[in-house]
PDB file of all heavy atoms in Angstrom:
ATOM      1  N   ASP A   1     -28.947  21.456  -8.835  1.00  0.00           N
ATOM      2  CA  ASP A   1     -28.889  21.103 -10.251  1.00  0.00           C
ATOM      3  C   ASP A   1     -27.431  21.076 -10.723  1.00  0.00           C
ATOM      4  O   ASP A   1     -26.998  20.128 -11.390  1.00  0.00           O
ATOM      5  CB  ASP A   1     -29.691  22.125 -11.056  1.00  0.00           C
ATOM      6  CG  ASP A   1     -29.770  21.794 -12.534  1.00  0.00           C
ATOM      7  OD1 ASP A   1     -30.401  20.786 -12.876  1.00  0.00           O
ATOM      8  OD2 ASP A   1     -29.184  22.547 -13.332  1.00  0.00           O
ATOM      9  N   GLY A   2     -26.668  22.103 -10.357  1.00  0.00           N
ATOM     10  CA  GLY A   2     -25.250  22.132 -10.707  1.00  0.00           C
ATOM     11  C   GLY A   2     -24.477  21.009 -10.057  1.00  0.00           C
ATOM     12  O   GLY A   2     -23.596  20.392 -10.672  1.00  0.00           O
ATOM     13  N   ILE A   3     -24.796  20.704  -8.799  1.00  0.00           N
ATOM     14  CA  ILE A   3     -24.130  19.607  -8.081  1.00  0.00           C
ATOM     15  C   ILE A   3     -24.345  18.282  -8.793  1.00  0.00           C
ATOM     16  O   ILE A   3     -23.410  17.504  -8.999  1.00  0.00           O
ATOM     17  CB  ILE A   3     -24.652  19.540  -6.628  1.00  0.00           C
ATOM     18  CG1 ILE A   3     -24.117  20.715  -5.808  1.00  0.00           C
ATOM     19  CG2 ILE A   3     -24.266  18.217  -5.975  1.00  0.00           C
ATOM     20  CD1 ILE A   3     -24.819  20.883  -4.471  1.00  0.00           C
ATOM     21  N   LEU A   4     -25.590  18.003  -9.161  1.00  0.00           N
ATOM     22  CA  LEU A   4     -25.892  16.716  -9.797  1.00  0.00           C
ATOM     23  C   LEU A   4     -25.257  16.610 -11.181  1.00  0.00           C
ATOM     24  O   LEU A   4     -24.804  15.526 -11.587  1.00  0.00           O
ATOM     25  CB  LEU A   4     -27.404  16.502  -9.870  1.00  0.00           C
ATOM     26  CG  LEU A   4     -28.077  16.255  -8.513  1.00  0.00           C
ATOM     27  CD1 LEU A   4     -29.596  16.218  -8.669  1.00  0.00           C
ATOM     28  CD2 LEU A   4     -27.586  14.958  -7.888  1.00  0.00           C
ATOM     29  N   ASP A   5     -25.208  17.714 -11.925  1.00  0.00           N
ATOM     30  CA  ASP A   5     -24.503  17.697 -13.210  1.00  0.00           C
ATOM     31  C   ASP A   5     -23.029  17.384 -13.000  1.00  0.00           C
ATOM     32  O   ASP A   5     -22.419  16.607 -13.760  1.00  0.00           O
ATOM     33  CB  ASP A   5     -24.652  19.042 -13.917  1.00  0.00           C
ATOM     34  CG  ASP A   5     -25.988  19.172 -14.652  1.00  0.00           C
ATOM     35  OD1 ASP A   5     -26.702  18.161 -14.774  1.00  0.00           O
ATOM     36  OD2 ASP A   5     -26.317  20.283 -15.088  1.00  0.00           O
ATOM     37  N   LEU A   6     -22.429  17.974 -11.974  1.00  0.00           N
ATOM     38  CA  LEU A   6     -21.021  17.691 -11.677  1.00  0.00           C
ATOM     39  C   LEU A   6     -20.839  16.238 -11.246  1.00  0.00           C
ATOM     40  O   LEU A   6     -19.861  15.579 -11.651  1.00  0.00           O
ATOM     41  CB  LEU A   6     -20.526  18.628 -10.573  1.00  0.00           C
ATOM     42  CG  LEU A   6     -20.277  20.076 -10.995  1.00  0.00           C
ATOM     43  CD1 LEU A   6     -20.202  20.985  -9.770  1.00  0.00           C
ATOM     44  CD2 LEU A   6     -19.005  20.197 -11.822  1.00  0.00           C
ATOM     45  N   CYS A   7     -21.769  15.713 -10.445  1.00  0.00           N
ATOM     46  CA  CYS A   7     -21.686  14.308 -10.033  1.00  0.00           C
ATOM     47  C   CYS A   7     -21.743  13.379 -11.242  1.00  0.00           C
ATOM     48  O   CYS A   7     -20.969  12.411 -11.340  1.00  0.00           O
ATOM     49  CB  CYS A   7     -22.817  13.967  -9.064  1.00  0.00           C
ATOM     50  SG  CYS A   7     -22.640  14.673  -7.419  1.00  0.00           S
ATOM     51  N   LEU A   8     -22.653  13.677 -12.174  1.00  0.00           N
ATOM     52  CA  LEU A   8     -22.740  12.871 -13.396  1.00  0.00           C
ATOM     53  C   LEU A   8     -21.433  12.896 -14.162  1.00  0.00           C
ATOM     54  O   LEU A   8     -20.938  11.866 -14.633  1.00  0.00           O
ATOM     55  CB  LEU A   8     -23.868  13.403 -14.288  1.00  0.00           C
ATOM     56  CG  LEU A   8     -25.297  13.010 -13.913  1.00  0.00           C
ATOM     57  CD1 LEU A   8     -26.296  13.817 -14.735  1.00  0.00           C
ATOM     58  CD2 LEU A   8     -25.507  11.522 -14.153  1.00  0.00           C
ATOM     59  N   ASN A   9     -20.859  14.080 -14.288  1.00  0.00           N
ATOM     60  CA  ASN A   9     -19.616  14.242 -15.034  1.00  0.00           C
ATOM     61  C   ASN A   9     -18.456  13.523 -14.359  1.00  0.00           C
ATOM     62  O   ASN A   9     -17.670  12.827 -15.008  1.00  0.00           O
ATOM     63  CB  ASN A   9     -19.310  15.727 -15.176  1.00  0.00           C
ATOM     64  CG  ASN A   9     -18.026  15.996 -15.923  1.00  0.00           C
ATOM     65  OD1 ASN A   9     -16.969  16.124 -15.307  1.00  0.00           O
ATOM     66  ND2 ASN A   9     -18.100  16.073 -17.241  1.00  0.00           N
ATOM     67  N   VAL A  10     -18.355  13.663 -13.047  1.00  0.00           N
ATOM     68  CA  VAL A  10     -17.230  13.075 -12.312  1.00  0.00           C
ATOM     69  C   VAL A  10     -17.319  11.553 -12.305  1.00  0.00           C
ATOM     70  O   VAL A  10     -16.343  10.859 -12.622  1.00  0.00           O
ATOM     71  CB  VAL A  10     -17.181  13.629 -10.870  1.00  0.00           C
ATOM     72  CG1 VAL A  10     -16.217  12.823 -10.008  1.00  0.00           C
ATOM     73  CG2 VAL A  10     -16.759  15.097 -10.892  1.00  0.00           C
ATOM     74  N   VAL A  11     -18.493  11.013 -11.939  1.00  0.00           N
ATOM     75  CA  VAL A  11     -18.622   9.557 -11.826  1.00  0.00           C
ATOM     76  C   VAL A  11     -18.446   8.888 -13.188  1.00  0.00           C
ATOM     77  O   VAL A  11     -17.801   7.836 -13.302  1.00  0.00           O
ATOM     78  CB  VAL A  11     -19.981   9.179 -11.200  1.00  0.00           C
ATOM     79  CG1 VAL A  11     -20.164   7.663 -11.198  1.00  0.00           C
ATOM     80  CG2 VAL A  11     -20.074   9.713  -9.780  1.00  0.00           C
ATOM     81  N   ASP A  12     -18.979   9.513 -14.225  1.00  0.00           N
ATOM     82  CA  ASP A  12     -18.868   8.949 -15.578  1.00  0.00           C
ATOM     83  C   ASP A  12     -17.417   8.850 -16.035  1.00  0.00           C
ATOM     84  O   ASP A  12     -17.069   7.968 -16.815  1.00  0.00           O
ATOM     85  CB  ASP A  12     -19.671   9.814 -16.559  1.00  0.00           C
ATOM     86  CG  ASP A  12     -19.660   9.236 -17.969  1.00  0.00           C
ATOM     87  OD1 ASP A  12     -19.908   8.029 -18.116  1.00  0.00           O
ATOM     88  OD2 ASP A  12     -19.403  10.000 -18.918  1.00  0.00           O
ATOM     89  N   GLY A  13     -16.548   9.742 -15.529  1.00  0.00           N
ATOM     90  CA  GLY A  13     -15.170   9.756 -16.004  1.00  0.00           C
ATOM     91  C   GLY A  13     -14.128   9.385 -14.964  1.00  0.00           C
ATOM     92  O   GLY A  13     -12.935   9.654 -15.156  1.00  0.00           O
ATOM     93  N   LEU A  14     -14.553   8.782 -13.833  1.00  0.00           N
ATOM     94  CA  LEU A  14     -13.592   8.422 -12.792  1.00  0.00           C
ATOM     95  C   LEU A  14     -12.523   7.467 -13.327  1.00  0.00           C
ATOM     96  O   LEU A  14     -12.832   6.489 -14.000  1.00  0.00           O
ATOM     97  CB  LEU A  14     -14.304   7.755 -11.610  1.00  0.00           C
ATOM     98  CG  LEU A  14     -14.905   8.650 -10.532  1.00  0.00           C
ATOM     99  CD1 LEU A  14     -15.554   7.785  -9.444  1.00  0.00           C
ATOM    100  CD2 LEU A  14     -13.870   9.577  -9.915  1.00  0.00           C
ATOM    101  N   VAL A  15     -11.276   7.771 -13.013  1.00  0.00           N
ATOM    102  CA  VAL A  15     -10.148   6.931 -13.423  1.00  0.00           C
ATOM    103  C   VAL A  15      -9.634   6.206 -12.184  1.00  0.00           C
ATOM    104  O   VAL A  15      -9.377   6.831 -11.145  1.00  0.00           O
ATOM    105  CB  VAL A  15      -9.020   7.778 -14.038  1.00  0.00           C
ATOM    106  CG1 VAL A  15      -7.852   6.892 -14.459  1.00  0.00           C
ATOM    107  CG2 VAL A  15      -9.545   8.577 -15.228  1.00  0.00           C
ATOM    108  N   VAL A  16      -9.496   4.896 -12.273  1.00  0.00           N
ATOM    109  CA  VAL A  16      -9.015   4.079 -11.156  1.00  0.00           C
ATOM    110  C   VAL A  16      -7.613   3.576 -11.471  1.00  0.00           C
ATOM    111  O   VAL A  16      -7.386   2.955 -12.511  1.00  0.00           O
ATOM    112  CB  VAL A  16      -9.957   2.880 -10.909  1.00  0.00           C
ATOM    113  CG1 VAL A  16      -9.407   1.959  -9.827  1.00  0.00           C
ATOM    114  CG2 VAL A  16     -11.345   3.381 -10.523  1.00  0.00           C
ATOM    115  N   TYR A  17      -6.670   3.843 -10.570  1.00  0.00           N
ATOM    116  CA  TYR A  17      -5.289   3.399 -10.741  1.00  0.00           C
ATOM    117  C   TYR A  17      -5.062   2.169  -9.873  1.00  0.00           C
ATOM    118  O   TYR A  17      -4.637   2.262  -8.722  1.00  0.00           O
ATOM    119  CB  TYR A  17      -4.328   4.539 -10.381  1.00  0.00           C
ATOM    120  CG  TYR A  17      -4.436   5.720 -11.330  1.00  0.00           C
ATOM    121  CD1 TYR A  17      -4.966   6.930 -10.894  1.00  0.00           C
ATOM    122  CD2 TYR A  17      -4.029   5.608 -12.658  1.00  0.00           C
ATOM    123  CE1 TYR A  17      -5.082   8.013 -11.759  1.00  0.00           C
ATOM    124  CE2 TYR A  17      -4.153   6.689 -13.537  1.00  0.00           C
ATOM    125  CZ  TYR A  17      -4.673   7.882 -13.087  1.00  0.00           C
ATOM    126  OH  TYR A  17      -4.786   8.933 -13.954  1.00  0.00           O
ATOM    127  N   ASP A  18      -5.347   1.004 -10.445  1.00  0.00           N
ATOM    128  CA  ASP A  18      -5.317  -0.226  -9.654  1.00  0.00           C
ATOM    129  C   ASP A  18      -3.923  -0.600  -9.165  1.00  0.00           C
ATOM    130  O   ASP A  18      -3.772  -1.208  -8.099  1.00  0.00           O
ATOM    131  CB  ASP A  18      -5.948  -1.388 -10.429  1.00  0.00           C
ATOM    132  CG  ASP A  18      -5.324  -1.593 -11.803  1.00  0.00           C
ATOM    133  OD1 ASP A  18      -4.583  -0.719 -12.262  1.00  0.00           O
ATOM    134  OD2 ASP A  18      -5.589  -2.641 -12.401  1.00  0.00           O
ATOM    135  N   GLN A  19      -2.885  -0.225  -9.917  1.00  0.00           N
ATOM    136  CA  GLN A  19      -1.531  -0.555  -9.483  1.00  0.00           C
ATOM    137  C   GLN A  19      -1.162   0.223  -8.214  1.00  0.00           C
ATOM    138  O   GLN A  19      -0.525  -0.314  -7.304  1.00  0.00           O
ATOM    139  CB  GLN A  19      -0.517  -0.243 -10.596  1.00  0.00           C
ATOM    140  CG  GLN A  19      -0.701  -1.075 -11.868  1.00  0.00           C
ATOM    141  CD  GLN A  19      -0.502  -2.563 -11.595  1.00  0.00           C
ATOM    142  OE1 GLN A  19       0.406  -2.961 -10.881  1.00  0.00           O
ATOM    143  NE2 GLN A  19      -1.368  -3.378 -12.180  1.00  0.00           N
ATOM    144  N   VAL A  20      -1.553   1.487  -8.160  1.00  0.00           N
ATOM    145  CA  VAL A  20      -1.290   2.297  -6.952  1.00  0.00           C
ATOM    146  C   VAL A  20      -2.102   1.754  -5.782  1.00  0.00           C
ATOM    147  O   VAL A  20      -1.606   1.658  -4.648  1.00  0.00           O
ATOM    148  CB  VAL A  20      -1.628   3.778  -7.200  1.00  0.00           C
ATOM    149  CG1 VAL A  20      -1.408   4.599  -5.931  1.00  0.00           C
ATOM    150  CG2 VAL A  20      -0.807   4.336  -8.343  1.00  0.00           C
ATOM    151  N   ILE A  21      -3.351   1.396  -6.058  1.00  0.00           N
ATOM    152  CA  ILE A  21      -4.205   0.828  -5.017  1.00  0.00           C
ATOM    153  C   ILE A  21      -3.570  -0.433  -4.434  1.00  0.00           C
ATOM    154  O   ILE A  21      -3.512  -0.617  -3.211  1.00  0.00           O
ATOM    155  CB  ILE A  21      -5.609   0.526  -5.591  1.00  0.00           C
ATOM    156  CG1 ILE A  21      -6.357   1.830  -5.874  1.00  0.00           C
ATOM    157  CG2 ILE A  21      -6.413  -0.355  -4.638  1.00  0.00           C
ATOM    158  CD1 ILE A  21      -7.648   1.657  -6.621  1.00  0.00           C
ATOM    159  N   THR A  22      -3.067  -1.302  -5.318  1.00  0.00           N
ATOM    160  CA  THR A  22      -2.434  -2.548  -4.871  1.00  0.00           C
ATOM    161  C   THR A  22      -1.155  -2.263  -4.081  1.00  0.00           C
ATOM    162  O   THR A  22      -0.889  -2.902  -3.056  1.00  0.00           O
ATOM    163  CB  THR A  22      -2.127  -3.447  -6.079  1.00  0.00           C
ATOM    164  OG1 THR A  22      -3.345  -3.743  -6.759  1.00  0.00           O
ATOM    165  CG2 THR A  22      -1.456  -4.744  -5.642  1.00  0.00           C
ATOM    166  N   LYS A  23      -0.388  -1.289  -4.542  1.00  0.00           N
ATOM    167  CA  LYS A  23       0.847  -0.922  -3.832  1.00  0.00           C
ATOM    168  C   LYS A  23       0.552  -0.470  -2.408  1.00  0.00           C
ATOM    169  O   LYS A  23       1.215  -0.901  -1.450  1.00  0.00           O
ATOM    170  CB  LYS A  23       1.568   0.181  -4.603  1.00  0.00           C
ATOM    171  CG  LYS A  23       2.847   0.663  -3.937  1.00  0.00           C
ATOM    172  CD  LYS A  23       3.475   1.806  -4.718  1.00  0.00           C
ATOM    173  CE  LYS A  23       4.716   2.337  -3.987  1.00  0.00           C
ATOM    174  NZ  LYS A  23       5.320   3.491  -4.705  1.00  0.00           N
ATOM    175  N   HIS A  24      -0.449   0.384  -2.254  1.00  0.00           N
ATOM    176  CA  HIS A  24      -0.812   0.851  -0.925  1.00  0.00           C
ATOM    177  C   HIS A  24      -1.346  -0.297  -0.069  1.00  0.00           C
ATOM    178  O   HIS A  24      -1.059  -0.375   1.138  1.00  0.00           O
ATOM    179  CB  HIS A  24      -1.870   1.949  -1.018  1.00  0.00           C
ATOM    180  CG  HIS A  24      -1.340   3.232  -1.567  1.00  0.00           C
ATOM    181  ND1 HIS A  24      -2.170   4.233  -2.046  1.00  0.00           N
ATOM    182  CD2 HIS A  24      -0.073   3.707  -1.729  1.00  0.00           C
ATOM    183  CE1 HIS A  24      -1.434   5.247  -2.471  1.00  0.00           C
ATOM    184  NE2 HIS A  24      -0.162   4.946  -2.281  1.00  0.00           N
ATOM    185  N   MET A  25      -2.103  -1.162  -0.697  1.00  0.00           N
ATOM    186  CA  MET A  25      -2.643  -2.313   0.012  1.00  0.00           C
ATOM    187  C   MET A  25      -1.520  -3.217   0.534  1.00  0.00           C
ATOM    188  O   MET A  25      -1.496  -3.611   1.707  1.00  0.00           O
ATOM    189  CB  MET A  25      -3.574  -3.104  -0.920  1.00  0.00           C
ATOM    190  CG  MET A  25      -3.995  -4.462  -0.395  1.00  0.00           C
ATOM    191  SD  MET A  25      -5.143  -4.348   0.977  1.00  0.00           S
ATOM    192  CE  MET A  25      -6.623  -3.919   0.077  1.00  0.00           C
ATOM    193  N   MET A  26      -0.569  -3.516  -0.329  1.00  0.00           N
ATOM    194  CA  MET A  26       0.493  -4.441   0.045  1.00  0.00           C
ATOM    195  C   MET A  26       1.416  -3.867   1.109  1.00  0.00           C
ATOM    196  O   MET A  26       2.042  -4.610   1.867  1.00  0.00           O
ATOM    197  CB  MET A  26       1.292  -4.848  -1.192  1.00  0.00           C
ATOM    198  CG  MET A  26       0.471  -5.574  -2.256  1.00  0.00           C
ATOM    199  SD  MET A  26      -0.554  -6.928  -1.617  1.00  0.00           S
ATOM    200  CE  MET A  26       0.722  -8.068  -1.051  1.00  0.00           C
ATOM    201  N   ALA A  27       1.490  -2.532   1.175  1.00  0.00           N
ATOM    202  CA  ALA A  27       2.329  -1.913   2.206  1.00  0.00           C
ATOM    203  C   ALA A  27       1.741  -2.116   3.598  1.00  0.00           C
ATOM    204  O   ALA A  27       2.474  -2.114   4.593  1.00  0.00           O
ATOM    205  CB  ALA A  27       2.486  -0.425   1.922  1.00  0.00           C
ATOM    206  N   GLU A  28       0.423  -2.289   3.679  1.00  0.00           N
ATOM    207  CA  GLU A  28      -0.240  -2.436   4.971  1.00  0.00           C
ATOM    208  C   GLU A  28      -0.731  -3.850   5.245  1.00  0.00           C
ATOM    209  O   GLU A  28      -0.986  -4.204   6.395  1.00  0.00           O
ATOM    210  CB  GLU A  28      -1.453  -1.484   5.039  1.00  0.00           C
ATOM    211  CG  GLU A  28      -1.125  -0.012   4.882  1.00  0.00           C
ATOM    212  CD  GLU A  28      -0.379   0.554   6.083  1.00  0.00           C
ATOM    213  OE1 GLU A  28      -0.405  -0.082   7.166  1.00  0.00           O
ATOM    214  OE2 GLU A  28       0.222   1.635   5.953  1.00  0.00           O
ATOM    215  N   LEU A  29      -0.857  -4.655   4.199  1.00  0.00           N
ATOM    216  CA  LEU A  29      -1.494  -5.963   4.344  1.00  0.00           C
ATOM    217  C   LEU A  29      -0.805  -6.881   5.350  1.00  0.00           C
ATOM    218  O   LEU A  29      -1.493  -7.613   6.075  1.00  0.00           O
ATOM    219  CB  LEU A  29      -1.598  -6.641   2.973  1.00  0.00           C
ATOM    220  CG  LEU A  29      -2.525  -7.857   2.899  1.00  0.00           C
ATOM    221  CD1 LEU A  29      -3.947  -7.460   3.301  1.00  0.00           C
ATOM    222  CD2 LEU A  29      -2.526  -8.449   1.496  1.00  0.00           C
ATOM    223  N   PRO A  30       0.527  -6.892   5.430  1.00  0.00           N
ATOM    224  CA  PRO A  30       1.149  -7.777   6.430  1.00  0.00           C
ATOM    225  C   PRO A  30       0.624  -7.552   7.847  1.00  0.00           C
ATOM    226  O   PRO A  30       0.437  -8.514   8.597  1.00  0.00           O
ATOM    227  CB  PRO A  30       2.634  -7.428   6.317  1.00  0.00           C
ATOM    228  CG  PRO A  30       2.806  -7.012   4.901  1.00  0.00           C
ATOM    229  CD  PRO A  30       1.546  -6.259   4.570  1.00  0.00           C
ATOM    230  N   PHE A  31       0.364  -6.289   8.198  1.00  0.00           N
ATOM    231  CA  PHE A  31      -0.188  -6.025   9.531  1.00  0.00           C
ATOM    232  C   PHE A  31      -1.588  -6.632   9.655  1.00  0.00           C
ATOM    233  O   PHE A  31      -1.942  -7.202  10.679  1.00  0.00           O
ATOM    234  CB  PHE A  31      -0.267  -4.521   9.794  1.00  0.00           C
ATOM    235  CG  PHE A  31       1.076  -3.842   9.875  1.00  0.00           C
ATOM    236  CD1 PHE A  31       1.366  -2.750   9.067  1.00  0.00           C
ATOM    237  CD2 PHE A  31       2.051  -4.279  10.750  1.00  0.00           C
ATOM    238  CE1 PHE A  31       2.591  -2.113   9.142  1.00  0.00           C
ATOM    239  CE2 PHE A  31       3.284  -3.651  10.837  1.00  0.00           C
ATOM    240  CZ  PHE A  31       3.559  -2.567  10.027  1.00  0.00           C
ATOM    241  N   MET A  32      -2.390  -6.491   8.590  1.00  0.00           N
ATOM    242  CA  MET A  32      -3.774  -6.942   8.633  1.00  0.00           C
ATOM    243  C   MET A  32      -3.893  -8.462   8.536  1.00  0.00           C
ATOM    244  O   MET A  32      -4.910  -9.037   8.906  1.00  0.00           O
ATOM    245  CB  MET A  32      -4.558  -6.293   7.492  1.00  0.00           C
ATOM    246  CG  MET A  32      -4.561  -4.777   7.592  1.00  0.00           C
ATOM    247  SD  MET A  32      -5.143  -4.000   6.085  1.00  0.00           S
ATOM    248  CE  MET A  32      -4.796  -2.286   6.477  1.00  0.00           C
TER     249      MET A  32
END
């Protein structure tokens, strides 16, 4: 019960940093 309440709380408020994601992607993309 506590786990699922925490999952609800975490997923509802997840923050995505797309600029960092893109930076990491571009650092490896030439190889791929």
